[in-house]
Amino acid sequence: MMEVIGYQQSFPISYEHSLQGISLLIIQISGRDLLVEVHAVSVNPVGTKVCKRVEAA
């Protein structure tokens, strides 16, 4: 299992559950697949616009 942070439904960023901790199974990689460990992330400008659209609705 691996712990990830993500969303399953678009909510305003100020909403308590807009991002959630999710447990996922680690898949078996094969062939030309690549498994990476992420140490940092950023927010896509389109993502901020989606959140603003949800807040305005």
PDB file of N, CA and C in Angstrom:
ATOM      1  N   MET A   1       0.847  -1.181   0.000  1.00  0.00           N
ATOM      2  CA  MET A   1       0.000   0.000   0.000  1.00  0.00           C
ATOM      3  C   MET A   1       0.888   1.238   0.000  1.00  0.00           C
ATOM      4  N   MET A   2       0.401   2.261  -0.650  1.00  0.00           N
ATOM      5  CA  MET A   2       1.084   3.544  -0.592  1.00  0.00           C
ATOM      6  C   MET A   2       0.064   4.618  -0.246  1.00  0.00           C
ATOM      7  N   GLU A   3       0.504   5.599   0.499  1.00  0.00           N
ATOM      8  CA  GLU A   3      -0.350   6.708   0.905  1.00  0.00           C
ATOM      9  C   GLU A   3      -0.167   7.852  -0.077  1.00  0.00           C
ATOM     10  N   VAL A   4      -1.258   8.375  -0.594  1.00  0.00           N
ATOM     11  CA  VAL A   4      -1.216   9.488  -1.540  1.00  0.00           C
ATOM     12  C   VAL A   4      -2.189  10.565  -1.084  1.00  0.00           C
ATOM     13  N   ILE A   5      -2.026  11.745  -1.615  1.00  0.00           N
ATOM     14  CA  ILE A   5      -2.963  12.840  -1.380  1.00  0.00           C
ATOM     15  C   ILE A   5      -3.590  13.182  -2.713  1.00  0.00           C
ATOM     16  N   GLY A   6      -4.906  13.249  -2.753  1.00  0.00           N
ATOM     17  CA  GLY A   6      -5.587  13.529  -3.999  1.00  0.00           C
ATOM     18  C   GLY A   6      -7.020  13.953  -3.755  1.00  0.00           C
ATOM     19  N   TYR A   7      -7.780  13.992  -4.822  1.00  0.00           N
ATOM     20  CA  TYR A   7      -9.193  14.331  -4.702  1.00  0.00           C
ATOM     21  C   TYR A   7      -9.994  13.407  -5.588  1.00  0.00           C
ATOM     22  N   GLN A   8     -11.219  13.167  -5.171  1.00  0.00           N
ATOM     23  CA  GLN A   8     -12.114  12.332  -5.953  1.00  0.00           C
ATOM     24  C   GLN A   8     -13.292  13.136  -6.473  1.00  0.00           C
ATOM     25  N   GLN A   9     -13.461  14.351  -5.949  1.00  0.00           N
ATOM     26  CA  GLN A   9     -14.506  15.257  -6.394  1.00  0.00           C
ATOM     27  C   GLN A   9     -13.977  16.674  -6.215  1.00  0.00           C
ATOM     28  N   SER A  10     -14.308  17.569  -7.125  1.00  0.00           N
ATOM     29  CA  SER A  10     -13.801  18.937  -7.077  1.00  0.00           C
ATOM     30  C   SER A  10     -14.596  19.769  -6.075  1.00  0.00           C
ATOM     31  N   PHE A  11     -13.894  20.290  -5.058  1.00  0.00           N
ATOM     32  CA  PHE A  11     -14.475  21.159  -4.045  1.00  0.00           C
ATOM     33  C   PHE A  11     -13.657  22.444  -3.987  1.00  0.00           C
ATOM     34  N   PRO A  12     -14.195  23.515  -3.404  1.00  0.00           N
ATOM     35  CA  PRO A  12     -13.395  24.712  -3.175  1.00  0.00           C
ATOM     36  C   PRO A  12     -12.183  24.347  -2.306  1.00  0.00           C
ATOM     37  N   ILE A  13     -11.042  24.959  -2.568  1.00  0.00           N
ATOM     38  CA  ILE A  13      -9.825  24.620  -1.848  1.00  0.00           C
ATOM     39  C   ILE A  13      -9.960  24.892  -0.353  1.00  0.00           C
ATOM     40  N   SER A  14     -10.857  25.804   0.031  1.00  0.00           N
ATOM     41  CA  SER A  14     -11.060  26.101   1.449  1.00  0.00           C
ATOM     42  C   SER A  14     -11.872  25.011   2.154  1.00  0.00           C
ATOM     43  N   TYR A  15     -12.511  24.128   1.407  1.00  0.00           N
ATOM     44  CA  TYR A  15     -13.308  23.047   1.981  1.00  0.00           C
ATOM     45  C   TYR A  15     -12.396  22.046   2.677  1.00  0.00           C
ATOM     46  N   GLU A  16     -12.795  21.610   3.841  1.00  0.00           N
ATOM     47  CA  GLU A  16     -11.957  20.739   4.671  1.00  0.00           C
ATOM     48  C   GLU A  16     -11.507  19.469   3.945  1.00  0.00           C
ATOM     49  N   HIS A  17     -12.363  18.909   3.106  1.00  0.00           N
ATOM     50  CA  HIS A  17     -12.049  17.641   2.455  1.00  0.00           C
ATOM     51  C   HIS A  17     -11.717  17.800   0.969  1.00  0.00           C
ATOM     52  N   SER A  18     -11.243  18.986   0.558  1.00  0.00           N
ATOM     53  CA  SER A  18     -10.929  19.171  -0.859  1.00  0.00           C
ATOM     54  C   SER A  18      -9.773  18.267  -1.289  1.00  0.00           C
ATOM     55  N   LEU A  19      -8.806  18.048  -0.411  1.00  0.00           N
ATOM     56  CA  LEU A  19      -7.740  17.073  -0.652  1.00  0.00           C
ATOM     57  C   LEU A  19      -7.813  16.045   0.463  1.00  0.00           C
ATOM     58  N   GLN A  20      -7.624  14.780   0.105  1.00  0.00           N
ATOM     59  CA  GLN A  20      -7.773  13.697   1.072  1.00  0.00           C
ATOM     60  C   GLN A  20      -6.580  12.761   0.996  1.00  0.00           C
ATOM     61  N   GLY A  21      -6.273  12.132   2.113  1.00  0.00           N
ATOM     62  CA  GLY A  21      -5.300  11.049   2.113  1.00  0.00           C
ATOM     63  C   GLY A  21      -5.987   9.786   1.618  1.00  0.00           C
ATOM     64  N   ILE A  22      -5.364   9.099   0.671  1.00  0.00           N
ATOM     65  CA  ILE A  22      -5.957   7.914   0.061  1.00  0.00           C
ATOM     66  C   ILE A  22      -4.913   6.797   0.078  1.00  0.00           C
ATOM     67  N   SER A  23      -5.307   5.595   0.438  1.00  0.00           N
ATOM     68  CA  SER A  23      -4.422   4.429   0.377  1.00  0.00           C
ATOM     69  C   SER A  23      -4.662   3.700  -0.937  1.00  0.00           C
ATOM     70  N   LEU A  24      -3.588   3.453  -1.674  1.00  0.00           N
ATOM     71  CA  LEU A  24      -3.686   2.744  -2.949  1.00  0.00           C
ATOM     72  C   LEU A  24      -2.747   1.546  -2.943  1.00  0.00           C
ATOM     73  N   LEU A  25      -3.126   0.520  -3.660  1.00  0.00           N
ATOM     74  CA  LEU A  25      -2.237  -0.620  -3.833  1.00  0.00           C
ATOM     75  C   LEU A  25      -1.085  -0.225  -4.743  1.00  0.00           C
ATOM     76  N   ILE A  26       0.102  -0.685  -4.430  1.00  0.00           N
ATOM     77  CA  ILE A  26       1.248  -0.457  -5.316  1.00  0.00           C
ATOM     78  C   ILE A  26       1.137  -1.475  -6.442  1.00  0.00           C
ATOM     79  N   ILE A  27       1.089  -0.985  -7.646  1.00  0.00           N
ATOM     80  CA  ILE A  27       0.932  -1.883  -8.792  1.00  0.00           C
ATOM     81  C   ILE A  27       2.280  -2.500  -9.156  1.00  0.00           C
ATOM     82  N   GLN A  28       2.232  -3.631  -9.796  1.00  0.00           N
ATOM     83  CA  GLN A  28       3.440  -4.269 -10.292  1.00  0.00           C
ATOM     84  C   GLN A  28       3.842  -3.607 -11.592  1.00  0.00           C
ATOM     85  N   ILE A  29       5.060  -3.150 -11.654  1.00  0.00           N
ATOM     86  CA  ILE A  29       5.522  -2.534 -12.900  1.00  0.00           C
ATOM     87  C   ILE A  29       6.160  -3.601 -13.769  1.00  0.00           C
ATOM     88  N   SER A  30       6.084  -3.403 -15.067  1.00  0.00           N
ATOM     89  CA  SER A  30       6.683  -4.356 -15.998  1.00  0.00           C
ATOM     90  C   SER A  30       6.981  -3.648 -17.308  1.00  0.00           C
ATOM     91  N   GLY A  31       7.751  -4.292 -18.130  1.00  0.00           N
ATOM     92  CA  GLY A  31       8.051  -3.748 -19.455  1.00  0.00           C
ATOM     93  C   GLY A  31       8.720  -2.398 -19.381  1.00  0.00           C
ATOM     94  N   ARG A  32       8.070  -1.401 -19.940  1.00  0.00           N
ATOM     95  CA  ARG A  32       8.628  -0.054 -19.996  1.00  0.00           C
ATOM     96  C   ARG A  32       8.024   0.874 -18.944  1.00  0.00           C
ATOM     97  N   ASP A  33       7.308   0.307 -17.957  1.00  0.00           N
ATOM     98  CA  ASP A  33       6.729   1.103 -16.875  1.00  0.00           C
ATOM     99  C   ASP A  33       7.835   1.678 -16.003  1.00  0.00           C
ATOM    100  N   LEU A  34       7.506   2.746 -15.297  1.00  0.00           N
ATOM    101  CA  LEU A  34       8.456   3.411 -14.428  1.00  0.00           C
ATOM    102  C   LEU A  34       7.748   3.793 -13.140  1.00  0.00           C
ATOM    103  N   LEU A  35       8.318   3.469 -11.994  1.00  0.00           N
ATOM    104  CA  LEU A  35       7.771   3.834 -10.695  1.00  0.00           C
ATOM    105  C   LEU A  35       8.702   4.883 -10.098  1.00  0.00           C
ATOM    106  N   VAL A  36       8.152   6.042  -9.730  1.00  0.00           N
ATOM    107  CA  VAL A  36       8.964   7.136  -9.201  1.00  0.00           C
ATOM    108  C   VAL A  36       8.468   7.529  -7.818  1.00  0.00           C
ATOM    109  N   GLU A  37       9.342   8.097  -7.018  1.00  0.00           N
ATOM    110  CA  GLU A  37       8.981   8.628  -5.711  1.00  0.00           C
ATOM    111  C   GLU A  37       8.990  10.145  -5.821  1.00  0.00           C
ATOM    112  N   VAL A  38       7.877  10.766  -5.460  1.00  0.00           N
ATOM    113  CA  VAL A  38       7.727  12.213  -5.597  1.00  0.00           C
ATOM    114  C   VAL A  38       8.089  12.889  -4.280  1.00  0.00           C
ATOM    115  N   HIS A  39       8.911  13.932  -4.352  1.00  0.00           N
ATOM    116  CA  HIS A  39       9.321  14.670  -3.162  1.00  0.00           C
ATOM    117  C   HIS A  39       8.717  16.065  -3.101  1.00  0.00           C
ATOM    118  N   ALA A  40       8.154  16.544  -4.189  1.00  0.00           N
ATOM    119  CA  ALA A  40       7.556  17.877  -4.212  1.00  0.00           C
ATOM    120  C   ALA A  40       6.503  17.933  -5.318  1.00  0.00           C
ATOM    121  N   VAL A  41       5.545  18.817  -5.154  1.00  0.00           N
ATOM    122  CA  VAL A  41       4.500  19.014  -6.159  1.00  0.00           C
ATOM    123  C   VAL A  41       4.221  20.502  -6.295  1.00  0.00           C
ATOM    124  N   SER A  42       3.501  20.849  -7.320  1.00  0.00           N
ATOM    125  CA  SER A  42       3.038  22.222  -7.485  1.00  0.00           C
ATOM    126  C   SER A  42       1.592  22.189  -7.945  1.00  0.00           C
ATOM    127  N   VAL A  43       0.957  23.345  -7.929  1.00  0.00           N
ATOM    128  CA  VAL A  43      -0.441  23.435  -8.339  1.00  0.00           C
ATOM    129  C   VAL A  43      -0.502  23.988  -9.751  1.00  0.00           C
ATOM    130  N   ASN A  44      -1.217  23.294 -10.605  1.00  0.00           N
ATOM    131  CA  ASN A  44      -1.413  23.731 -11.982  1.00  0.00           C
ATOM    132  C   ASN A  44      -2.367  24.934 -11.988  1.00  0.00           C
ATOM    133  N   PRO A  45      -2.057  26.002 -12.731  1.00  0.00           N
ATOM    134  CA  PRO A  45      -2.963  27.149 -12.787  1.00  0.00           C
ATOM    135  C   PRO A  45      -4.394  26.779 -13.184  1.00  0.00           C
ATOM    136  N   VAL A  46      -4.551  25.779 -14.033  1.00  0.00           N
ATOM    137  CA  VAL A  46      -5.893  25.336 -14.409  1.00  0.00           C
ATOM    138  C   VAL A  46      -6.611  24.775 -13.179  1.00  0.00           C
ATOM    139  N   GLY A  47      -5.893  24.086 -12.300  1.00  0.00           N
ATOM    140  CA  GLY A  47      -6.482  23.554 -11.085  1.00  0.00           C
ATOM    141  C   GLY A  47      -7.038  24.647 -10.191  1.00  0.00           C
ATOM    142  N   THR A  48      -6.334  25.776 -10.105  1.00  0.00           N
ATOM    143  CA  THR A  48      -6.837  26.883  -9.282  1.00  0.00           C
ATOM    144  C   THR A  48      -8.102  27.476  -9.896  1.00  0.00           C
ATOM    145  N   LYS A  49      -8.173  27.521 -11.212  1.00  0.00           N
ATOM    146  CA  LYS A  49      -9.374  28.040 -11.872  1.00  0.00           C
ATOM    147  C   LYS A  49     -10.561  27.115 -11.657  1.00  0.00           C
ATOM    148  N   VAL A  50     -10.327  25.805 -11.652  1.00  0.00           N
ATOM    149  CA  VAL A  50     -11.404  24.849 -11.395  1.00  0.00           C
ATOM    150  C   VAL A  50     -11.931  25.055  -9.984  1.00  0.00           C
ATOM    151  N   CYS A  51     -11.027  25.230  -9.011  1.00  0.00           N
ATOM    152  CA  CYS A  51     -11.468  25.469  -7.621  1.00  0.00           C
ATOM    153  C   CYS A  51     -12.257  26.752  -7.506  1.00  0.00           C
ATOM    154  N   LYS A  52     -11.828  27.807  -8.189  1.00  0.00           N
ATOM    155  CA  LYS A  52     -12.545  29.076  -8.138  1.00  0.00           C
ATOM    156  C   LYS A  52     -13.924  28.936  -8.758  1.00  0.00           C
ATOM    157  N   ARG A  53     -14.034  28.162  -9.827  1.00  0.00           N
ATOM    158  CA  ARG A  53     -15.336  27.952 -10.476  1.00  0.00           C
ATOM    159  C   ARG A  53     -16.285  27.250  -9.515  1.00  0.00           C
ATOM    160  N   VAL A  54     -15.780  26.271  -8.763  1.00  0.00           N
ATOM    161  CA  VAL A  54     -16.610  25.544  -7.815  1.00  0.00           C
ATOM    162  C   VAL A  54     -17.041  26.464  -6.680  1.00  0.00           C
ATOM    163  N   GLU A  55     -16.133  27.345  -6.196  1.00  0.00           N
ATOM    164  CA  GLU A  55     -16.482  28.281  -5.132  1.00  0.00           C
ATOM    165  C   GLU A  55     -17.578  29.236  -5.579  1.00  0.00           C
ATOM    166  N   ALA A  56     -17.551  29.655  -6.856  1.00  0.00           N
ATOM    167  CA  ALA A  56     -18.529  30.634  -7.354  1.00  0.00           C
ATOM    168  C   ALA A  56     -19.909  30.002  -7.557  1.00  0.00           C
ATOM    169  N   ALA A  57     -19.947  28.692  -7.753  1.00  0.00           N
ATOM    170  CA  ALA A  57     -21.220  28.007  -8.019  1.00  0.00           C
ATOM    171  C   ALA A  57     -22.111  27.924  -6.819  1.00  0.00           C
TER     172      ALA A  57
END
